[in-house]
Amino acid sequence: MLIILVNWLLSALTILAVSQFVPGFVVDTFTTALLVALVLGILNALVKPILIILTLPINIITLGLFTLVINAFLLILTTYFVHGFQIQGFGAAVVAALLLWLINTIISSAAFPIKS
């Protein structure tokens, strides 16, 4: 349970940090970032697997890069559920999705190393 809470807080901090660097990716407060992380996590768990299956042929052709477009779409979808979170343009969503993936990967590997 503690790992889930830490991961949620780190995701919210990452979202807040990305909003400082990507123009058009606006998060009002840390509370908003917490809500964005929660809603995005739920969408990633429920909607993303369906979208991955539906877009499997194009994902195979692009060698998995279309997943970045799916992640950007899920970020835009999140704006409809969380007030105080705005994305102006698909380009900002793609850049934010790429940065969120990169930072979350680095933080997750540092905070939660794989034990073998």
C-alpha atoms as a PDB file:
ATOM      1  CA  MET A   1       0.000   0.000   0.000  1.00  0.00           C
ATOM      2  CA  LEU A   2       2.843   2.373   0.837  1.00  0.00           C
ATOM      3  CA  ILE A   3       4.451   1.725  -2.561  1.00  0.00           C
ATOM      4  CA  ILE A   4       1.221   2.743  -4.308  1.00  0.00           C
ATOM      5  CA  LEU A   5       1.021   5.998  -2.329  1.00  0.00           C
ATOM      6  CA  VAL A   6       4.678   6.823  -2.987  1.00  0.00           C
ATOM      7  CA  ASN A   7       4.222   6.095  -6.687  1.00  0.00           C
ATOM      8  CA  TRP A   8       1.117   8.326  -6.752  1.00  0.00           C
ATOM      9  CA  LEU A   9       2.978  11.199  -5.067  1.00  0.00           C
ATOM     10  CA  LEU A  10       5.975  10.823  -7.388  1.00  0.00           C
ATOM     11  CA  SER A  11       3.673  10.810 -10.412  1.00  0.00           C
ATOM     12  CA  ALA A  12       1.965  13.980  -9.187  1.00  0.00           C
ATOM     13  CA  LEU A  13       5.336  15.675  -8.667  1.00  0.00           C
ATOM     14  CA  THR A  14       6.383  14.598 -12.159  1.00  0.00           C
ATOM     15  CA  ILE A  15       3.195  16.030 -13.656  1.00  0.00           C
ATOM     16  CA  LEU A  16       3.769  19.290 -11.795  1.00  0.00           C
ATOM     17  CA  ALA A  17       7.393  19.446 -12.977  1.00  0.00           C
ATOM     18  CA  VAL A  18       6.469  18.761 -16.604  1.00  0.00           C
ATOM     19  CA  SER A  19       3.891  21.552 -16.459  1.00  0.00           C
ATOM     20  CA  GLN A  20       6.743  23.973 -15.706  1.00  0.00           C
ATOM     21  CA  PHE A  21       8.657  23.021 -18.863  1.00  0.00           C
ATOM     22  CA  VAL A  22       6.039  22.267 -21.529  1.00  0.00           C
ATOM     23  CA  PRO A  23       4.158  25.284 -22.874  1.00  0.00           C
ATOM     24  CA  GLY A  24       0.465  24.535 -23.159  1.00  0.00           C
ATOM     25  CA  PHE A  25       0.522  21.894 -20.404  1.00  0.00           C
ATOM     26  CA  VAL A  26      -1.023  23.660 -17.415  1.00  0.00           C
ATOM     27  CA  VAL A  27      -1.556  22.284 -13.908  1.00  0.00           C
ATOM     28  CA  ASP A  28      -2.891  24.816 -11.395  1.00  0.00           C
ATOM     29  CA  THR A  29      -1.950  23.311  -8.009  1.00  0.00           C
ATOM     30  CA  PHE A  30      -0.363  20.270  -6.417  1.00  0.00           C
ATOM     31  CA  THR A  31      -3.860  19.039  -5.510  1.00  0.00           C
ATOM     32  CA  THR A  32      -4.748  19.224  -9.187  1.00  0.00           C
ATOM     33  CA  ALA A  33      -1.590  17.247 -10.003  1.00  0.00           C
ATOM     34  CA  LEU A  34      -2.659  14.581  -7.486  1.00  0.00           C
ATOM     35  CA  LEU A  35      -6.067  14.347  -9.159  1.00  0.00           C
ATOM     36  CA  VAL A  36      -4.463  14.205 -12.614  1.00  0.00           C
ATOM     37  CA  ALA A  37      -2.184  11.376 -11.469  1.00  0.00           C
ATOM     38  CA  LEU A  38      -5.166   9.494 -10.019  1.00  0.00           C
ATOM     39  CA  VAL A  39      -7.413   9.907 -13.065  1.00  0.00           C
ATOM     40  CA  LEU A  40      -4.563   9.180 -15.478  1.00  0.00           C
ATOM     41  CA  GLY A  41      -3.709   6.039 -13.533  1.00  0.00           C
ATOM     42  CA  ILE A  42      -7.316   4.859 -13.712  1.00  0.00           C
ATOM     43  CA  LEU A  43      -7.502   5.605 -17.450  1.00  0.00           C
ATOM     44  CA  ASN A  44      -4.189   3.812 -18.008  1.00  0.00           C
ATOM     45  CA  ALA A  45      -5.533   0.764 -16.181  1.00  0.00           C
ATOM     46  CA  LEU A  46      -8.978   0.655 -17.817  1.00  0.00           C
ATOM     47  CA  VAL A  47      -8.881   2.374 -21.213  1.00  0.00           C
ATOM     48  CA  LYS A  48      -5.290   2.000 -22.392  1.00  0.00           C
ATOM     49  CA  PRO A  49      -5.326  -1.815 -22.760  1.00  0.00           C
ATOM     50  CA  ILE A  50      -8.423  -1.567 -24.962  1.00  0.00           C
ATOM     51  CA  LEU A  51      -6.832   1.135 -27.111  1.00  0.00           C
ATOM     52  CA  ILE A  52      -3.622  -0.877 -27.417  1.00  0.00           C
ATOM     53  CA  ILE A  53      -5.556  -3.898 -28.684  1.00  0.00           C
ATOM     54  CA  LEU A  54      -7.676  -1.825 -31.084  1.00  0.00           C
ATOM     55  CA  THR A  55      -4.610  -0.105 -32.560  1.00  0.00           C
ATOM     56  CA  LEU A  56      -2.357  -3.165 -32.563  1.00  0.00           C
ATOM     57  CA  PRO A  57      -1.739  -3.215 -36.348  1.00  0.00           C
ATOM     58  CA  ILE A  58      -0.589   0.423 -36.462  1.00  0.00           C
ATOM     59  CA  ASN A  59       1.378  -0.093 -33.250  1.00  0.00           C
ATOM     60  CA  ILE A  60       3.222  -3.005 -34.864  1.00  0.00           C
ATOM     61  CA  ILE A  61       3.918  -1.008 -38.024  1.00  0.00           C
ATOM     62  CA  THR A  62       5.311   1.918 -36.004  1.00  0.00           C
ATOM     63  CA  LEU A  63       7.292  -0.424 -33.738  1.00  0.00           C
ATOM     64  CA  GLY A  64       5.347   0.710 -30.684  1.00  0.00           C
ATOM     65  CA  LEU A  65       5.689   4.452 -31.229  1.00  0.00           C
ATOM     66  CA  PHE A  66       1.927   4.814 -31.653  1.00  0.00           C
ATOM     67  CA  THR A  67       1.688   4.125 -27.924  1.00  0.00           C
ATOM     68  CA  LEU A  68       2.993   7.669 -27.447  1.00  0.00           C
ATOM     69  CA  VAL A  69      -0.039   8.948 -29.363  1.00  0.00           C
ATOM     70  CA  ILE A  70      -2.306   6.839 -27.142  1.00  0.00           C
ATOM     71  CA  ASN A  71      -0.644   8.287 -24.046  1.00  0.00           C
ATOM     72  CA  ALA A  72      -1.140  11.821 -25.403  1.00  0.00           C
ATOM     73  CA  PHE A  73      -4.804  11.019 -26.083  1.00  0.00           C
ATOM     74  CA  LEU A  74      -5.234   9.772 -22.515  1.00  0.00           C
ATOM     75  CA  LEU A  75      -3.695  13.006 -21.216  1.00  0.00           C
ATOM     76  CA  ILE A  76      -6.175  15.009 -23.272  1.00  0.00           C
ATOM     77  CA  LEU A  77      -9.002  12.778 -22.038  1.00  0.00           C
ATOM     78  CA  THR A  78      -7.889  13.489 -18.466  1.00  0.00           C
ATOM     79  CA  THR A  79      -8.464  17.219 -19.012  1.00  0.00           C
ATOM     80  CA  TYR A  80     -12.194  16.508 -19.291  1.00  0.00           C
ATOM     81  CA  PHE A  81     -12.293  14.986 -15.811  1.00  0.00           C
ATOM     82  CA  VAL A  82      -9.995  17.306 -13.830  1.00  0.00           C
ATOM     83  CA  HIS A  83     -10.661  21.023 -13.483  1.00  0.00           C
ATOM     84  CA  GLY A  84      -7.501  23.113 -13.320  1.00  0.00           C
ATOM     85  CA  PHE A  85      -5.701  20.863 -15.811  1.00  0.00           C
ATOM     86  CA  GLN A  86      -5.410  22.083 -19.391  1.00  0.00           C
ATOM     87  CA  ILE A  87      -3.560  21.046 -22.498  1.00  0.00           C
ATOM     88  CA  GLN A  88      -3.486  23.443 -25.431  1.00  0.00           C
ATOM     89  CA  GLY A  89      -2.845  21.398 -28.540  1.00  0.00           C
ATOM     90  CA  PHE A  90      -1.951  17.853 -29.424  1.00  0.00           C
ATOM     91  CA  GLY A  91       1.730  18.727 -29.747  1.00  0.00           C
ATOM     92  CA  ALA A  92       1.904  19.787 -26.113  1.00  0.00           C
ATOM     93  CA  ALA A  93       0.190  16.518 -25.166  1.00  0.00           C
ATOM     94  CA  VAL A  94       2.727  14.449 -27.130  1.00  0.00           C
ATOM     95  CA  VAL A  95       5.716  16.290 -25.650  1.00  0.00           C
ATOM     96  CA  ALA A  96       4.236  16.021 -22.144  1.00  0.00           C
ATOM     97  CA  ALA A  97       3.507  12.301 -22.632  1.00  0.00           C
ATOM     98  CA  LEU A  98       7.092  11.710 -23.755  1.00  0.00           C
ATOM     99  CA  LEU A  99       8.542  13.633 -20.797  1.00  0.00           C
ATOM    100  CA  LEU A 100       6.195  11.954 -18.319  1.00  0.00           C
ATOM    101  CA  TRP A 101       7.202   8.542 -19.618  1.00  0.00           C
ATOM    102  CA  LEU A 102      10.916   9.373 -19.474  1.00  0.00           C
ATOM    103  CA  ILE A 103      10.862  10.917 -15.987  1.00  0.00           C
ATOM    104  CA  ASN A 104       8.575   8.220 -14.549  1.00  0.00           C
ATOM    105  CA  THR A 105      10.865   5.525 -15.957  1.00  0.00           C
ATOM    106  CA  ILE A 106      13.933   7.101 -14.343  1.00  0.00           C
ATOM    107  CA  ILE A 107      12.199   7.700 -11.008  1.00  0.00           C
ATOM    108  CA  SER A 108      10.648   4.226 -10.919  1.00  0.00           C
ATOM    109  CA  SER A 109      13.941   2.507 -11.632  1.00  0.00           C
ATOM    110  CA  ALA A 110      15.655   4.560  -8.916  1.00  0.00           C
ATOM    111  CA  ALA A 111      12.900   4.360  -6.279  1.00  0.00           C
ATOM    112  CA  PHE A 112      11.724   0.807  -6.973  1.00  0.00           C
ATOM    113  CA  PRO A 113      14.722  -1.192  -8.236  1.00  0.00           C
ATOM    114  CA  ILE A 114      14.153  -4.706  -9.505  1.00  0.00           C
ATOM    115  CA  LYS A 115      15.410  -7.259  -7.013  1.00  0.00           C
ATOM    116  CA  SER A 116      16.849 -10.446  -8.444  1.00  0.00           C
END
